[in-house]
Protein backbone atom coordinates (compact mmCIF):
# COMPACT_ATOMS: atom_id res chain seq x y z
CA PRO A 1 3.14 -22.45 -9.51
CA LEU A 2 1.65 -19.44 -11.33
CA PHE A 3 -0.57 -18.60 -8.36
CA ARG A 4 2.43 -18.83 -6.03
CA SER A 5 4.65 -16.66 -8.23
CA HIS A 6 1.97 -13.98 -8.48
CA PHE A 7 1.45 -14.18 -4.72
CA PHE A 8 5.17 -13.55 -4.09
CA ALA A 9 5.22 -10.76 -6.69
CA GLY A 10 2.33 -9.13 -4.83
CA CYS A 11 4.18 -9.52 -1.53
CA LEU A 12 7.24 -7.84 -3.04
CA SER A 13 5.00 -5.05 -4.29
CA GLY A 14 3.55 -4.68 -0.79
CA LEU A 15 7.06 -4.49 0.68
CA CYS A 16 8.10 -1.72 -1.71
CA ASN A 17 4.86 0.12 -1.02
CA CYS A 18 5.36 -0.07 2.74
CA LEU A 19 8.91 1.22 2.56
CA LEU A 20 7.70 4.25 0.64
CA ILE A 21 4.37 4.92 2.38
CA VAL A 22 5.04 4.19 6.08
CA PRO A 23 6.91 7.47 6.82
CA SER A 24 4.14 9.61 5.32
CA ASP A 25 1.52 7.57 7.17
CA ARG A 26 3.39 8.09 10.45
CA ILE A 27 3.54 11.82 9.83
CA LYS A 28 -0.18 11.88 9.09
CA CYS A 29 -0.99 9.94 12.24
CA LEU A 30 1.12 12.17 14.47
CA LEU A 31 -0.60 15.25 13.06
CA GLN A 32 -4.05 13.70 13.50
CA ILE A 33 -3.66 12.54 17.10
CA GLN A 34 -2.42 15.90 18.29
CA THR A 35 -5.73 17.51 17.31
CA VAL A 36 -7.84 14.78 18.96
CA SER A 37 -5.96 14.50 22.25
CA GLY A 38 -6.87 18.02 23.34
CA MET A 39 -3.30 18.73 24.41
CA LYS A 40 -1.18 21.60 23.19
CA ARG A 41 -0.13 21.09 19.58
CA GLN A 42 3.36 19.63 19.29
CA TYR A 43 3.79 20.01 15.55
CA SER A 44 3.08 22.92 13.24
CA GLY A 45 3.02 20.81 10.06
CA PRO A 46 4.47 17.80 8.25
CA PHE A 47 8.00 19.21 7.92
CA ASP A 48 8.01 20.05 11.62
CA VAL A 49 7.03 16.43 12.37
CA VAL A 50 9.92 15.11 10.27
CA ARG A 51 12.39 17.49 11.88
CA LYS A 52 11.34 16.68 15.45
CA VAL A 53 10.97 12.92 14.97
CA VAL A 54 14.35 12.60 13.23
CA ARG A 55 15.99 14.74 15.91
CA GLN A 56 14.46 12.67 18.72
CA SER A 57 14.57 9.12 17.29
CA GLY A 58 16.65 9.29 14.15
CA LEU A 59 15.43 8.11 10.77
CA ARG A 60 14.11 4.94 12.44
CA GLY A 61 11.48 7.09 14.16
CA LEU A 62 9.77 7.69 10.82
CA TYR A 63 9.53 3.92 10.26
CA ARG A 64 8.01 3.12 13.64
CA GLY A 65 5.14 0.69 13.14
CA THR A 66 6.51 -0.75 9.92
CA LEU A 67 6.41 -4.36 11.11
CA VAL A 68 2.68 -4.21 11.85
CA THR A 69 2.03 -2.60 8.48
CA LEU A 70 4.06 -5.30 6.74
CA VAL A 71 2.13 -8.05 8.53
CA ARG A 72 -1.08 -6.50 7.20
CA ASP A 73 0.01 -5.46 3.70
CA LEU A 74 2.23 -8.29 2.47
CA PRO A 75 -0.40 -11.07 2.57
CA GLY A 76 -3.07 -8.65 1.35
CA SER A 77 -1.05 -7.52 -1.66
CA GLY A 78 0.03 -11.08 -2.39
CA LEU A 79 -3.53 -12.38 -2.37
CA TYR A 80 -4.75 -9.45 -4.44
CA TYR A 81 -2.21 -10.11 -7.19
CA ALA A 82 -2.70 -13.88 -7.14
CA VAL A 83 -6.51 -13.76 -7.20
CA TYR A 84 -6.52 -11.03 -9.84
CA SER A 85 -4.26 -13.05 -12.13
CA TRP A 86 -6.29 -16.21 -11.54
CA CYS A 87 -9.57 -14.40 -12.35
CA LYS A 88 -8.06 -12.79 -15.42
CA LYS A 89 -6.79 -16.16 -16.67
CA THR A 90 -10.06 -17.92 -15.88
CA LEU A 91 -12.41 -15.32 -17.31
CA THR A 92 -10.47 -14.71 -20.51
CA ARG A 93 -9.84 -18.38 -21.31
CA ASP A 94 -10.52 -19.16 -24.98
CA LYS A 95 -11.11 -15.48 -25.74
CA PRO A 96 -8.65 -13.24 -27.58
CA LEU A 97 -7.82 -10.27 -25.41
CA VAL A 98 -8.23 -7.65 -28.14
CA GLY A 99 -11.57 -9.00 -29.27
CA SER A 100 -13.00 -9.03 -25.77
CA LEU A 101 -11.82 -5.48 -25.17
CA LEU A 102 -13.49 -4.33 -28.37
CA ASP A 103 -16.70 -6.21 -27.49
CA ASN A 104 -16.79 -4.52 -24.10
CA PHE A 105 -16.14 -1.15 -25.69
CA HIS A 106 -19.14 -1.58 -28.02
CA LEU A 107 -21.32 -2.40 -25.02
CA LEU A 108 -20.42 0.94 -23.46
CA THR A 109 -21.23 3.02 -26.56
């Protein structure tokens, strides 16, 4: 149950991340492909991309490709959180957290 709850927490984290990051990633991609394609530049910068995409496709245009990103990021974030919490629980079993942190700090000095 703990693994599952951390997995779903990671998936929720991935969802929030996607909703915030996808528009900026789309802007970046549109700016990058215009320099590679060899065609005349369509956009003069990030704000120009936002203005033209929103004018042409609405706000949904900035979120184009979100589904594919969610399919990639949700399981990845979920597994990351679940495995991280499992490793943390397994590796720190029978060890006080403060003591192990101090032991590791002395190793570094």
